[in-house]
PDB file of N, CA and C in Angstrom:
ATOM      1  N   MET A   1      79.220  90.501  30.921  1.00  0.00           N
ATOM      2  CA  MET A   1      79.405  91.619  32.065  1.00  0.00           C
ATOM      3  C   MET A   1      80.526  91.372  33.269  1.00  0.00           C
ATOM      4  N   GLU A   2      80.828  92.008  33.643  1.00  0.00           N
ATOM      5  CA  GLU A   2      82.087  91.971  35.434  1.00  0.00           C
ATOM      6  C   GLU A   2      81.112  91.832  36.300  1.00  0.00           C
ATOM      7  N   PRO A   3      81.538  90.895  37.165  1.00  0.00           N
ATOM      8  CA  PRO A   3      80.362  90.655  38.653  1.00  0.00           C
ATOM      9  C   PRO A   3      80.823  91.848  39.085  1.00  0.00           C
ATOM     10  N   PHE A   4      79.771  92.491  40.050  1.00  0.00           N
ATOM     11  CA  PHE A   4      79.316  93.214  40.652  1.00  0.00           C
ATOM     12  C   PHE A   4      79.005  93.183  42.176  1.00  0.00           C
ATOM     13  N   THR A   5      79.237  93.836  42.971  1.00  0.00           N
ATOM     14  CA  THR A   5      78.501  93.503  44.336  1.00  0.00           C
ATOM     15  C   THR A   5      77.102  94.320  45.243  1.00  0.00           C
ATOM     16  N   VAL A   6      76.106  93.895  45.603  1.00  0.00           N
ATOM     17  CA  VAL A   6      75.306  94.578  46.365  1.00  0.00           C
ATOM     18  C   VAL A   6      75.518  94.252  48.112  1.00  0.00           C
ATOM     19  N   ARG A   7      75.232  94.921  48.786  1.00  0.00           N
ATOM     20  CA  ARG A   7      75.205  94.305  49.715  1.00  0.00           C
ATOM     21  C   ARG A   7      73.850  94.323  50.476  1.00  0.00           C
ATOM     22  N   ILE A   8      73.865  92.668  51.003  1.00  0.00           N
ATOM     23  CA  ILE A   8      72.558  92.633  51.482  1.00  0.00           C
ATOM     24  C   ILE A   8      72.690  91.758  53.216  1.00  0.00           C
ATOM     25  N   GLU A   9      71.754  91.209  54.074  1.00  0.00           N
ATOM     26  CA  GLU A   9      72.003  91.244  54.977  1.00  0.00           C
ATOM     27  C   GLU A   9      71.441  90.161  55.815  1.00  0.00           C
ATOM     28  N   ILE A  10      71.618  88.679  56.479  1.00  0.00           N
ATOM     29  CA  ILE A  10      71.443  87.412  56.509  1.00  0.00           C
ATOM     30  C   ILE A  10      71.320  87.527  58.142  1.00  0.00           C
ATOM     31  N   ALA A  11      70.132  86.604  57.994  1.00  0.00           N
ATOM     32  CA  ALA A  11      70.038  86.056  60.056  1.00  0.00           C
ATOM     33  C   ALA A  11      69.410  84.891  59.712  1.00  0.00           C
ATOM     34  N   SER A  12      69.394  84.155  61.388  1.00  0.00           N
ATOM     35  CA  SER A  12      68.233  82.308  61.232  1.00  0.00           C
ATOM     36  C   SER A  12      66.700  82.660  61.098  1.00  0.00           C
ATOM     37  N   LEU A  13      66.282  81.823  60.622  1.00  0.00           N
ATOM     38  CA  LEU A  13      64.904  82.400  61.202  1.00  0.00           C
ATOM     39  C   LEU A  13      64.790  82.639  62.839  1.00  0.00           C
ATOM     40  N   LYS A  14      65.551  82.381  63.673  1.00  0.00           N
ATOM     41  CA  LYS A  14      64.925  82.612  64.994  1.00  0.00           C
ATOM     42  C   LYS A  14      65.602  83.838  65.539  1.00  0.00           C
ATOM     43  N   ASP A  15      66.764  84.760  64.913  1.00  0.00           N
ATOM     44  CA  ASP A  15      67.244  85.553  65.233  1.00  0.00           C
ATOM     45  C   ASP A  15      66.955  87.455  64.868  1.00  0.00           C
ATOM     46  N   ASP A  16      66.877  87.773  65.309  1.00  0.00           N
ATOM     47  CA  ASP A  16      66.357  89.378  64.521  1.00  0.00           C
ATOM     48  C   ASP A  16      67.143  89.659  64.775  1.00  0.00           C
ATOM     49  N   ASN A  17      69.059  89.135  64.612  1.00  0.00           N
ATOM     50  CA  ASN A  17      70.068  90.000  64.439  1.00  0.00           C
ATOM     51  C   ASN A  17      70.658  89.895  63.020  1.00  0.00           C
ATOM     52  N   PHE A  18      70.638  91.168  62.186  1.00  0.00           N
ATOM     53  CA  PHE A  18      70.904  90.425  60.549  1.00  0.00           C
ATOM     54  C   PHE A  18      72.305  91.152  60.628  1.00  0.00           C
ATOM     55  N   THR A  19      73.587  89.958  60.058  1.00  0.00           N
ATOM     56  CA  THR A  19      74.518  90.179  59.302  1.00  0.00           C
ATOM     57  C   THR A  19      74.958  90.788  58.517  1.00  0.00           C
ATOM     58  N   ALA A  20      75.516  91.618  57.754  1.00  0.00           N
ATOM     59  CA  ALA A  20      75.729  92.474  56.124  1.00  0.00           C
ATOM     60  C   ALA A  20      76.757  91.552  55.800  1.00  0.00           C
ATOM     61  N   ILE A  21      77.102  91.502  54.289  1.00  0.00           N
ATOM     62  CA  ILE A  21      77.837  91.075  53.814  1.00  0.00           C
ATOM     63  C   ILE A  21      77.415  91.333  52.044  1.00  0.00           C
ATOM     64  N   ASP A  22      78.587  91.515  51.409  1.00  0.00           N
ATOM     65  CA  ASP A  22      79.038  91.832  49.934  1.00  0.00           C
ATOM     66  C   ASP A  22      78.912  90.943  49.605  1.00  0.00           C
ATOM     67  N   ALA A  23      77.837  90.556  48.828  1.00  0.00           N
ATOM     68  CA  ALA A  23      77.436  89.781  47.745  1.00  0.00           C
ATOM     69  C   ALA A  23      77.891  89.951  46.393  1.00  0.00           C
ATOM     70  N   PHE A  24      78.552  89.105  45.543  1.00  0.00           N
ATOM     71  CA  PHE A  24      78.708  89.043  44.201  1.00  0.00           C
ATOM     72  C   PHE A  24      77.398  88.754  43.550  1.00  0.00           C
ATOM     73  N   VAL A  25      77.484  89.770  42.053  1.00  0.00           N
ATOM     74  CA  VAL A  25      76.343  89.343  41.755  1.00  0.00           C
ATOM     75  C   VAL A  25      76.455  88.942  39.622  1.00  0.00           C
ATOM     76  N   THR A  26      76.402  87.787  40.222  1.00  0.00           N
ATOM     77  CA  THR A  26      76.826  86.801  38.548  1.00  0.00           C
ATOM     78  C   THR A  26      75.904  86.229  37.111  1.00  0.00           C
ATOM     79  N   TYR A  27      75.891  86.800  36.182  1.00  0.00           N
ATOM     80  CA  TYR A  27      75.401  85.560  35.011  1.00  0.00           C
ATOM     81  C   TYR A  27      75.323  84.862  35.337  1.00  0.00           C
ATOM     82  N   GLY A  28      74.165  83.408  35.316  1.00  0.00           N
ATOM     83  CA  GLY A  28      74.504  82.454  35.399  1.00  0.00           C
ATOM     84  C   GLY A  28      74.536  81.472  36.633  1.00  0.00           C
ATOM     85  N   VAL A  29      74.707  82.763  37.543  1.00  0.00           N
ATOM     86  CA  VAL A  29      74.178  82.035  39.256  1.00  0.00           C
ATOM     87  C   VAL A  29      72.755  81.730  40.010  1.00  0.00           C
ATOM     88  N   SER A  30      72.720  80.255  39.601  1.00  0.00           N
ATOM     89  CA  SER A  30      71.143  80.897  40.255  1.00  0.00           C
ATOM     90  C   SER A  30      70.276  80.571  41.211  1.00  0.00           C
ATOM     91  N   HIS A  31      71.177  80.403  42.537  1.00  0.00           N
ATOM     92  CA  HIS A  31      70.714  80.350  44.129  1.00  0.00           C
ATOM     93  C   HIS A  31      72.103  81.102  44.603  1.00  0.00           C
ATOM     94  N   SER A  32      71.957  81.932  45.534  1.00  0.00           N
ATOM     95  CA  SER A  32      72.566  82.750  46.287  1.00  0.00           C
ATOM     96  C   SER A  32      73.278  81.846  47.429  1.00  0.00           C
ATOM     97  N   GLY A  33      74.577  81.726  47.648  1.00  0.00           N
ATOM     98  CA  GLY A  33      75.312  81.045  48.818  1.00  0.00           C
ATOM     99  C   GLY A  33      76.223  81.850  49.238  1.00  0.00           C
ATOM    100  N   LEU A  34      76.358  81.946  50.410  1.00  0.00           N
ATOM    101  CA  LEU A  34      77.700  81.869  51.335  1.00  0.00           C
ATOM    102  C   LEU A  34      78.267  81.012  52.023  1.00  0.00           C
ATOM    103  N   PRO A  35      79.830  81.664  52.416  1.00  0.00           N
ATOM    104  CA  PRO A  35      80.276  80.330  52.981  1.00  0.00           C
ATOM    105  C   PRO A  35      80.225  79.772  54.266  1.00  0.00           C
ATOM    106  N   VAL A  36      80.130  78.513  54.581  1.00  0.00           N
ATOM    107  CA  VAL A  36      79.535  77.923  55.340  1.00  0.00           C
ATOM    108  C   VAL A  36      80.195  78.140  56.980  1.00  0.00           C
ATOM    109  N   SER A  37      80.610  78.662  57.032  1.00  0.00           N
ATOM    110  CA  SER A  37      81.490  79.628  58.770  1.00  0.00           C
ATOM    111  C   SER A  37      80.742  80.828  58.840  1.00  0.00           C
ATOM    112  N   PHE A  38      80.264  81.692  57.810  1.00  0.00           N
ATOM    113  CA  PHE A  38      79.351  82.732  58.025  1.00  0.00           C
ATOM    114  C   PHE A  38      78.172  81.974  58.779  1.00  0.00           C
ATOM    115  N   LEU A  39      77.892  81.403  57.514  1.00  0.00           N
ATOM    116  CA  LEU A  39      76.146  80.756  58.279  1.00  0.00           C
ATOM    117  C   LEU A  39      76.663  80.012  59.261  1.00  0.00           C
ATOM    118  N   LYS A  40      77.293  79.139  59.476  1.00  0.00           N
ATOM    119  CA  LYS A  40      77.098  78.580  60.758  1.00  0.00           C
ATOM    120  C   LYS A  40      77.407  79.400  62.108  1.00  0.00           C
ATOM    121  N   SER A  41      77.883  80.709  62.075  1.00  0.00           N
ATOM    122  CA  SER A  41      78.477  81.848  62.852  1.00  0.00           C
ATOM    123  C   SER A  41      77.161  82.478  63.458  1.00  0.00           C
ATOM    124  N   LEU A  42      76.012  82.235  62.270  1.00  0.00           N
ATOM    125  CA  LEU A  42      74.488  82.950  62.376  1.00  0.00           C
ATOM    126  C   LEU A  42      73.532  82.170  63.296  1.00  0.00           C
ATOM    127  N   HIS A  43      74.548  80.977  63.342  1.00  0.00           N
ATOM    128  CA  HIS A  43      73.431  79.326  63.787  1.00  0.00           C
ATOM    129  C   HIS A  43      72.106  79.103  62.767  1.00  0.00           C
ATOM    130  N   ILE A  44      73.167  79.753  61.384  1.00  0.00           N
ATOM    131  CA  ILE A  44      71.744  78.749  60.163  1.00  0.00           C
ATOM    132  C   ILE A  44      72.178  77.262  59.739  1.00  0.00           C
ATOM    133  N   THR A  45      71.817  76.407  60.232  1.00  0.00           N
ATOM    134  CA  THR A  45      71.674  75.217  59.739  1.00  0.00           C
ATOM    135  C   THR A  45      71.685  74.828  58.446  1.00  0.00           C
ATOM    136  N   PRO A  46      72.377  73.792  57.868  1.00  0.00           N
ATOM    137  CA  PRO A  46      71.650  72.946  56.755  1.00  0.00           C
ATOM    138  C   PRO A  46      70.652  72.043  57.128  1.00  0.00           C
ATOM    139  N   THR A  47      69.772  72.344  55.823  1.00  0.00           N
ATOM    140  CA  THR A  47      68.056  71.188  55.927  1.00  0.00           C
ATOM    141  C   THR A  47      68.384  70.393  55.028  1.00  0.00           C
ATOM    142  N   GLU A  48      68.989  70.791  54.048  1.00  0.00           N
ATOM    143  CA  GLU A  48      69.144  70.031  52.918  1.00  0.00           C
ATOM    144  C   GLU A  48      70.724  69.324  52.493  1.00  0.00           C
ATOM    145  N   HIS A  49      70.756  68.334  52.198  1.00  0.00           N
ATOM    146  CA  HIS A  49      72.647  67.995  52.064  1.00  0.00           C
ATOM    147  C   HIS A  49      72.459  67.182  50.736  1.00  0.00           C
ATOM    148  N   ASP A  50      73.576  68.092  50.118  1.00  0.00           N
ATOM    149  CA  ASP A  50      73.960  66.987  48.932  1.00  0.00           C
ATOM    150  C   ASP A  50      73.118  67.989  47.963  1.00  0.00           C
ATOM    151  N   ALA A  51      72.750  68.933  47.595  1.00  0.00           N
ATOM    152  CA  ALA A  51      71.815  69.297  46.386  1.00  0.00           C
ATOM    153  C   ALA A  51      73.327  69.559  45.571  1.00  0.00           C
ATOM    154  N   ALA A  52      72.661  68.716  44.562  1.00  0.00           N
ATOM    155  CA  ALA A  52      73.566  68.806  42.950  1.00  0.00           C
ATOM    156  C   ALA A  52      73.584  70.329  42.489  1.00  0.00           C
ATOM    157  N   PHE A  53      74.709  70.855  41.867  1.00  0.00           N
ATOM    158  CA  PHE A  53      74.697  72.276  41.432  1.00  0.00           C
ATOM    159  C   PHE A  53      75.396  72.415  39.821  1.00  0.00           C
ATOM    160  N   VAL A  54      75.686  72.550  39.577  1.00  0.00           N
ATOM    161  CA  VAL A  54      76.491  72.439  37.992  1.00  0.00           C
ATOM    162  C   VAL A  54      77.122  74.327  38.037  1.00  0.00           C
ATOM    163  N   SER A  55      78.287  73.905  38.537  1.00  0.00           N
ATOM    164  CA  SER A  55      79.138  75.438  38.587  1.00  0.00           C
ATOM    165  C   SER A  55      79.242  76.091  36.971  1.00  0.00           C
ATOM    166  N   LEU A  56      79.320  77.340  37.072  1.00  0.00           N
ATOM    167  CA  LEU A  56      80.007  77.941  35.227  1.00  0.00           C
ATOM    168  C   LEU A  56      80.779  77.404  34.977  1.00  0.00           C
ATOM    169  N   ASP A  57      81.707  76.891  35.126  1.00  0.00           N
ATOM    170  CA  ASP A  57      82.704  76.256  33.987  1.00  0.00           C
ATOM    171  C   ASP A  57      82.213  74.572  33.991  1.00  0.00           C
ATOM    172  N   GLY A  58      80.863  74.378  34.291  1.00  0.00           N
ATOM    173  CA  GLY A  58      80.448  73.015  33.576  1.00  0.00           C
ATOM    174  C   GLY A  58      80.485  71.869  34.408  1.00  0.00           C
ATOM    175  N   ALA A  59      81.480  71.681  36.123  1.00  0.00           N
ATOM    176  CA  ALA A  59      81.584  71.245  36.550  1.00  0.00           C
ATOM    177  C   ALA A  59      80.394  70.803  37.722  1.00  0.00           C
ATOM    178  N   ARG A  60      80.256  69.315  38.073  1.00  0.00           N
ATOM    179  CA  ARG A  60      78.778  68.991  38.923  1.00  0.00           C
ATOM    180  C   ARG A  60      79.550  68.866  39.989  1.00  0.00           C
ATOM    181  N   ARG A  61      79.059  69.526  41.169  1.00  0.00           N
ATOM    182  CA  ARG A  61      79.233  69.894  42.444  1.00  0.00           C
ATOM    183  C   ARG A  61      77.795  69.442  43.543  1.00  0.00           C
ATOM    184  N   HIS A  62      77.865  69.335  44.682  1.00  0.00           N
ATOM    185  CA  HIS A  62      76.714  69.287  45.676  1.00  0.00           C
ATOM    186  C   HIS A  62      77.643  70.249  46.871  1.00  0.00           C
ATOM    187  N   PHE A  63      76.604  70.406  47.229  1.00  0.00           N
ATOM    188  CA  PHE A  63      76.275  71.306  48.554  1.00  0.00           C
ATOM    189  C   PHE A  63      75.055  71.625  49.494  1.00  0.00           C
ATOM    190  N   ASP A  64      75.150  71.614  50.564  1.00  0.00           N
ATOM    191  CA  ASP A  64      73.816  71.925  51.692  1.00  0.00           C
ATOM    192  C   ASP A  64      73.674  73.241  51.434  1.00  0.00           C
ATOM    193  N   MET A  65      72.394  73.107  51.530  1.00  0.00           N
ATOM    194  CA  MET A  65      70.985  74.153  51.792  1.00  0.00           C
ATOM    195  C   MET A  65      70.480  74.815  53.040  1.00  0.00           C
ATOM    196  N   GLY A  66      70.362  75.778  53.632  1.00  0.00           N
ATOM    197  CA  GLY A  66      68.822  75.843  54.517  1.00  0.00           C
ATOM    198  C   GLY A  66      68.226  76.803  54.311  1.00  0.00           C
ATOM    199  N   PRO A  67      67.475  76.831  55.389  1.00  0.00           N
ATOM    200  CA  PRO A  67      66.594  78.104  55.283  1.00  0.00           C
ATOM    201  C   PRO A  67      67.266  79.780  56.082  1.00  0.00           C
ATOM    202  N   CYS A  68      66.914  80.764  55.944  1.00  0.00           N
ATOM    203  CA  CYS A  68      67.641  81.946  56.478  1.00  0.00           C
ATOM    204  C   CYS A  68      66.767  82.961  56.140  1.00  0.00           C
ATOM    205  N   ARG A  69      66.712  84.159  56.525  1.00  0.00           N
ATOM    206  CA  ARG A  69      66.230  85.795  56.375  1.00  0.00           C
ATOM    207  C   ARG A  69      67.681  86.408  55.276  1.00  0.00           C
ATOM    208  N   ILE A  70      67.330  86.733  53.855  1.00  0.00           N
ATOM    209  CA  ILE A  70      68.002  87.408  53.355  1.00  0.00           C
ATOM    210  C   ILE A  70      66.904  89.198  53.507  1.00  0.00           C
ATOM    211  N   ARG A  71      68.098  90.495  54.135  1.00  0.00           N
ATOM    212  CA  ARG A  71      66.943  91.530  54.055  1.00  0.00           C
ATOM    213  C   ARG A  71      67.936  92.337  52.598  1.00  0.00           C
ATOM    214  N   LEU A  72      66.954  92.852  51.961  1.00  0.00           N
ATOM    215  CA  LEU A  72      67.673  93.181  50.198  1.00  0.00           C
ATOM    216  C   LEU A  72      66.984  95.058  50.515  1.00  0.00           C
ATOM    217  N   ASN A  73      67.656  96.047  50.840  1.00  0.00           N
ATOM    218  CA  ASN A  73      67.515  97.190  50.469  1.00  0.00           C
ATOM    219  C   ASN A  73      65.513  97.071  51.543  1.00  0.00           C
ATOM    220  N   GLY A  74      66.147  97.126  52.540  1.00  0.00           N
ATOM    221  CA  GLY A  74      65.390  96.991  53.635  1.00  0.00           C
ATOM    222  C   GLY A  74      64.259  95.731  53.421  1.00  0.00           C
ATOM    223  N   ARG A  75      63.919  95.305  52.338  1.00  0.00           N
ATOM    224  CA  ARG A  75      62.696  94.262  52.762  1.00  0.00           C
ATOM    225  C   ARG A  75      63.286  92.582  53.249  1.00  0.00           C
ATOM    226  N   VAL A  76      62.945  92.026  54.073  1.00  0.00           N
ATOM    227  CA  VAL A  76      63.138  91.285  54.177  1.00  0.00           C
ATOM    228  C   VAL A  76      62.191  90.253  53.562  1.00  0.00           C
ATOM    229  N   ILE A  77      63.006  88.358  53.018  1.00  0.00           N
ATOM    230  CA  ILE A  77      62.011  87.700  52.505  1.00  0.00           C
ATOM    231  C   ILE A  77      63.274  85.664  53.608  1.00  0.00           C
ATOM    232  N   TYR A  78      62.363  85.286  52.981  1.00  0.00           N
ATOM    233  CA  TYR A  78      62.797  83.891  53.946  1.00  0.00           C
ATOM    234  C   TYR A  78      63.386  82.880  52.535  1.00  0.00           C
ATOM    235  N   HIS A  79      64.247  82.903  52.657  1.00  0.00           N
ATOM    236  CA  HIS A  79      65.302  82.164  51.498  1.00  0.00           C
ATOM    237  C   HIS A  79      66.049  80.635  51.807  1.00  0.00           C
ATOM    238  N   ASP A  80      65.875  79.890  51.146  1.00  0.00           N
ATOM    239  CA  ASP A  80      67.041  78.447  51.147  1.00  0.00           C
ATOM    240  C   ASP A  80      68.608  79.682  50.614  1.00  0.00           C
ATOM    241  N   ILE A  81      69.677  79.523  51.709  1.00  0.00           N
ATOM    242  CA  ILE A  81      70.789  79.300  51.051  1.00  0.00           C
ATOM    243  C   ILE A  81      71.824  78.440  51.116  1.00  0.00           C
ATOM    244  N   VAL A  82      72.939  78.381  49.710  1.00  0.00           N
ATOM    245  CA  VAL A  82      73.700  77.432  49.897  1.00  0.00           C
ATOM    246  C   VAL A  82      75.133  77.418  50.597  1.00  0.00           C
ATOM    247  N   PHE A  83      75.427  76.186  51.073  1.00  0.00           N
ATOM    248  CA  PHE A  83      76.596  76.642  52.243  1.00  0.00           C
ATOM    249  C   PHE A  83      77.850  75.882  50.796  1.00  0.00           C
ATOM    250  N   LEU A  84      79.058  77.393  50.922  1.00  0.00           N
ATOM    251  CA  LEU A  84      79.280  77.167  49.793  1.00  0.00           C
ATOM    252  C   LEU A  84      80.387  76.995  50.686  1.00  0.00           C
ATOM    253  N   ASP A  85      81.500  76.586  49.401  1.00  0.00           N
ATOM    254  CA  ASP A  85      82.574  76.380  50.502  1.00  0.00           C
ATOM    255  C   ASP A  85      83.618  77.675  50.879  1.00  0.00           C
ATOM    256  N   GLU A  86      84.471  77.237  52.122  1.00  0.00           N
ATOM    257  CA  GLU A  86      85.186  78.508  52.631  1.00  0.00           C
ATOM    258  C   GLU A  86      86.231  79.949  51.700  1.00  0.00           C
ATOM    259  N   GLU A  87      86.437  79.228  50.573  1.00  0.00           N
ATOM    260  CA  GLU A  87      87.077  79.621  49.309  1.00  0.00           C
ATOM    261  C   GLU A  87      86.061  80.834  48.521  1.00  0.00           C
ATOM    262  N   MET A  88      85.308  80.304  48.643  1.00  0.00           N
ATOM    263  CA  MET A  88      83.726  80.692  47.509  1.00  0.00           C
ATOM    264  C   MET A  88      83.570  82.104  48.056  1.00  0.00           C
ATOM    265  N   PRO A  89      83.120  83.199  47.057  1.00  0.00           N
ATOM    266  CA  PRO A  89      82.918  84.242  47.924  1.00  0.00           C
ATOM    267  C   PRO A  89      81.268  84.368  47.326  1.00  0.00           C
ATOM    268  N   ALA A  90      80.795  85.101  48.650  1.00  0.00           N
ATOM    269  CA  ALA A  90      79.051  85.465  48.609  1.00  0.00           C
ATOM    270  C   ALA A  90      79.026  85.601  47.456  1.00  0.00           C
ATOM    271  N   GLN A  91      77.575  84.979  47.039  1.00  0.00           N
ATOM    272  CA  GLN A  91      76.923  84.761  45.175  1.00  0.00           C
ATOM    273  C   GLN A  91      75.629  85.282  45.917  1.00  0.00           C
ATOM    274  N   ILE A  92      74.852  86.330  45.145  1.00  0.00           N
ATOM    275  CA  ILE A  92      73.355  86.980  45.030  1.00  0.00           C
ATOM    276  C   ILE A  92      72.621  85.983  43.635  1.00  0.00           C
ATOM    277  N   GLY A  93      71.956  85.271  43.382  1.00  0.00           N
ATOM    278  CA  GLY A  93      71.426  83.907  42.305  1.00  0.00           C
ATOM    279  C   GLY A  93      70.626  84.471  41.504  1.00  0.00           C
ATOM    280  N   SER A  94      69.980  84.095  40.665  1.00  0.00           N
ATOM    281  CA  SER A  94      68.803  84.921  40.273  1.00  0.00           C
ATOM    282  C   SER A  94      67.521  84.514  40.879  1.00  0.00           C
ATOM    283  N   VAL A  95      67.253  83.235  41.555  1.00  0.00           N
ATOM    284  CA  VAL A  95      66.422  83.240  41.976  1.00  0.00           C
ATOM    285  C   VAL A  95      65.887  83.896  43.237  1.00  0.00           C
ATOM    286  N   THR A  96      67.194  84.094  44.223  1.00  0.00           N
ATOM    287  CA  THR A  96      66.969  85.411  45.210  1.00  0.00           C
ATOM    288  C   THR A  96      66.119  86.714  44.766  1.00  0.00           C
ATOM    289  N   LEU A  97      66.978  87.566  43.457  1.00  0.00           N
ATOM    290  CA  LEU A  97      66.755  88.387  42.573  1.00  0.00           C
ATOM    291  C   LEU A  97      65.064  88.332  42.460  1.00  0.00           C
ATOM    292  N   ALA A  98      64.751  87.491  42.013  1.00  0.00           N
ATOM    293  CA  ALA A  98      63.207  86.863  41.332  1.00  0.00           C
ATOM    294  C   ALA A  98      62.508  87.826  42.578  1.00  0.00           C
ATOM    295  N   ALA A  99      62.728  86.882  43.773  1.00  0.00           N
ATOM    296  CA  ALA A  99      61.926  86.613  45.170  1.00  0.00           C
ATOM    297  C   ALA A  99      62.079  88.025  45.266  1.00  0.00           C
ATOM    298  N   TYR A 100      62.637  89.167  44.869  1.00  0.00           N
ATOM    299  CA  TYR A 100      62.697  90.637  45.171  1.00  0.00           C
ATOM    300  C   TYR A 100      62.304  91.255  43.983  1.00  0.00           C
ATOM    301  N   GLY A 101      61.387  90.961  42.652  1.00  0.00           N
ATOM    302  CA  GLY A 101      61.043  91.668  41.888  1.00  0.00           C
ATOM    303  C   GLY A 101      62.432  92.041  41.090  1.00  0.00           C
ATOM    304  N   LEU A 102      63.490  91.789  41.334  1.00  0.00           N
ATOM    305  CA  LEU A 102      64.864  92.268  40.565  1.00  0.00           C
ATOM    306  C   LEU A 102      65.501  91.468  39.822  1.00  0.00           C
ATOM    307  N   GLN A 103      66.059  91.771  38.508  1.00  0.00           N
ATOM    308  CA  GLN A 103      67.259  90.896  37.589  1.00  0.00           C
ATOM    309  C   GLN A 103      68.560  91.955  36.532  1.00  0.00           C
ATOM    310  N   LEU A 104      69.002  91.334  36.549  1.00  0.00           N
ATOM    311  CA  LEU A 104      70.243  91.691  35.805  1.00  0.00           C
ATOM    312  C   LEU A 104      69.267  92.349  34.564  1.00  0.00           C
ATOM    313  N   ASP A 105      70.422  93.539  35.014  1.00  0.00           N
ATOM    314  CA  ASP A 105      70.219  94.357  33.908  1.00  0.00           C
ATOM    315  C   ASP A 105      70.506  93.445  32.077  1.00  0.00           C
ATOM    316  N   PRO A 106      69.089  93.921  31.478  1.00  0.00           N
ATOM    317  CA  PRO A 106      68.817  92.963  30.487  1.00  0.00           C
ATOM    318  C   PRO A 106      70.111  93.676  29.429  1.00  0.00           C
ATOM    319  N   GLY A 107      70.509  94.613  29.403  1.00  0.00           N
ATOM    320  CA  GLY A 107      71.421  95.355  28.079  1.00  0.00           C
ATOM    321  C   GLY A 107      72.489  95.417  28.569  1.00  0.00           C
ATOM    322  N   GLY A 108      73.084  94.103  29.972  1.00  0.00           N
ATOM    323  CA  GLY A 108      74.404  94.403  29.934  1.00  0.00           C
ATOM    324  C   GLY A 108      74.957  95.214  31.448  1.00  0.00           C
ATOM    325  N   LYS A 109      74.301  95.926  31.692  1.00  0.00           N
ATOM    326  CA  LYS A 109      74.929  96.706  32.786  1.00  0.00           C
ATOM    327  C   LYS A 109      75.184  96.405  34.036  1.00  0.00           C
ATOM    328  N   PRO A 110      76.150  96.878  34.734  1.00  0.00           N
ATOM    329  CA  PRO A 110      76.367  96.183  36.047  1.00  0.00           C
ATOM    330  C   PRO A 110      75.229  97.014  37.265  1.00  0.00           C
ATOM    331  N   VAL A 111      73.596  96.946  36.659  1.00  0.00           N
ATOM    332  CA  VAL A 111      72.531  97.079  37.671  1.00  0.00           C
ATOM    333  C   VAL A 111      72.020  96.326  37.972  1.00  0.00           C
ATOM    334  N   LEU A 112      71.072  96.383  38.620  1.00  0.00           N
ATOM    335  CA  LEU A 112      69.870  95.777  39.240  1.00  0.00           C
ATOM    336  C   LEU A 112      68.738  96.455  38.457  1.00  0.00           C
ATOM    337  N   VAL A 113      67.618  95.902  37.940  1.00  0.00           N
ATOM    338  CA  VAL A 113      66.611  96.475  37.433  1.00  0.00           C
ATOM    339  C   VAL A 113      65.416  95.591  37.804  1.00  0.00           C
ATOM    340  N   ALA A 114      64.091  96.570  38.007  1.00  0.00           N
ATOM    341  CA  ALA A 114      63.083  95.526  38.003  1.00  0.00           C
ATOM    342  C   ALA A 114      62.746  94.310  37.360  1.00  0.00           C
ATOM    343  N   LEU A 115      62.357  93.495  37.522  1.00  0.00           N
ATOM    344  CA  LEU A 115      61.493  92.341  37.294  1.00  0.00           C
ATOM    345  C   LEU A 115      60.371  92.462  36.467  1.00  0.00           C
ATOM    346  N   GLU A 116      60.505  92.383  35.137  1.00  0.00           N
ATOM    347  CA  GLU A 116      58.787  92.826  34.696  1.00  0.00           C
ATOM    348  C   GLU A 116      57.728  91.475  35.139  1.00  0.00           C
ATOM    349  N   ARG A 117      57.166  92.012  36.008  1.00  0.00           N
ATOM    350  CA  ARG A 117      56.209  90.431  36.466  1.00  0.00           C
ATOM    351  C   ARG A 117      55.543  89.655  34.975  1.00  0.00           C
ATOM    352  N   ARG A 118      55.189  88.690  34.713  1.00  0.00           N
ATOM    353  CA  ARG A 118      53.676  88.091  33.783  1.00  0.00           C
ATOM    354  C   ARG A 118      53.169  87.344  34.131  1.00  0.00           C
ATOM    355  N   MET A 119      51.755  87.362  34.044  1.00  0.00           N
ATOM    356  CA  MET A 119      51.214  86.843  34.404  1.00  0.00           C
ATOM    357  C   MET A 119      50.748  85.947  32.831  1.00  0.00           C
ATOM    358  N   PRO A 120      49.600  84.688  32.875  1.00  0.00           N
ATOM    359  CA  PRO A 120      49.260  83.936  31.680  1.00  0.00           C
ATOM    360  C   PRO A 120      47.742  84.813  31.178  1.00  0.00           C
ATOM    361  N   SER A 121      47.486  84.455  29.606  1.00  0.00           N
ATOM    362  CA  SER A 121      46.469  85.827  29.933  1.00  0.00           C
ATOM    363  C   SER A 121      45.425  84.903  30.178  1.00  0.00           C
ATOM    364  N   ARG A 122      43.888  85.514  29.600  1.00  0.00           N
ATOM    365  CA  ARG A 122      42.950  84.313  30.302  1.00  0.00           C
ATOM    366  C   ARG A 122      42.715  83.808  28.985  1.00  0.00           C
TER     367      ARG A 122
END
């Protein structure tokens, strides 16, 4: 499936001004990330340094991460965001989508669908 974009809004923990950005949704991306300059412009600062990730091509990379607020479809969550290199596009990952109760369509369509919530049986 080809990546597609969704509009999300981002704010720091201290500011009520949300800024919109289009973020790619791609199979295999676990954590949401935005370019460093975008996050710094919103006064979002890293609290974790050199977090290890494996890119979709198998390369190991390290990025900073920090807390922010993300608004999607009117709902706001507190979430850690990855500080991506400038040339990397904004990404929304499966961990963030799951926090919203969403997932990529298992049938391969470029849409988000409700995540089936499951609990252990008694």
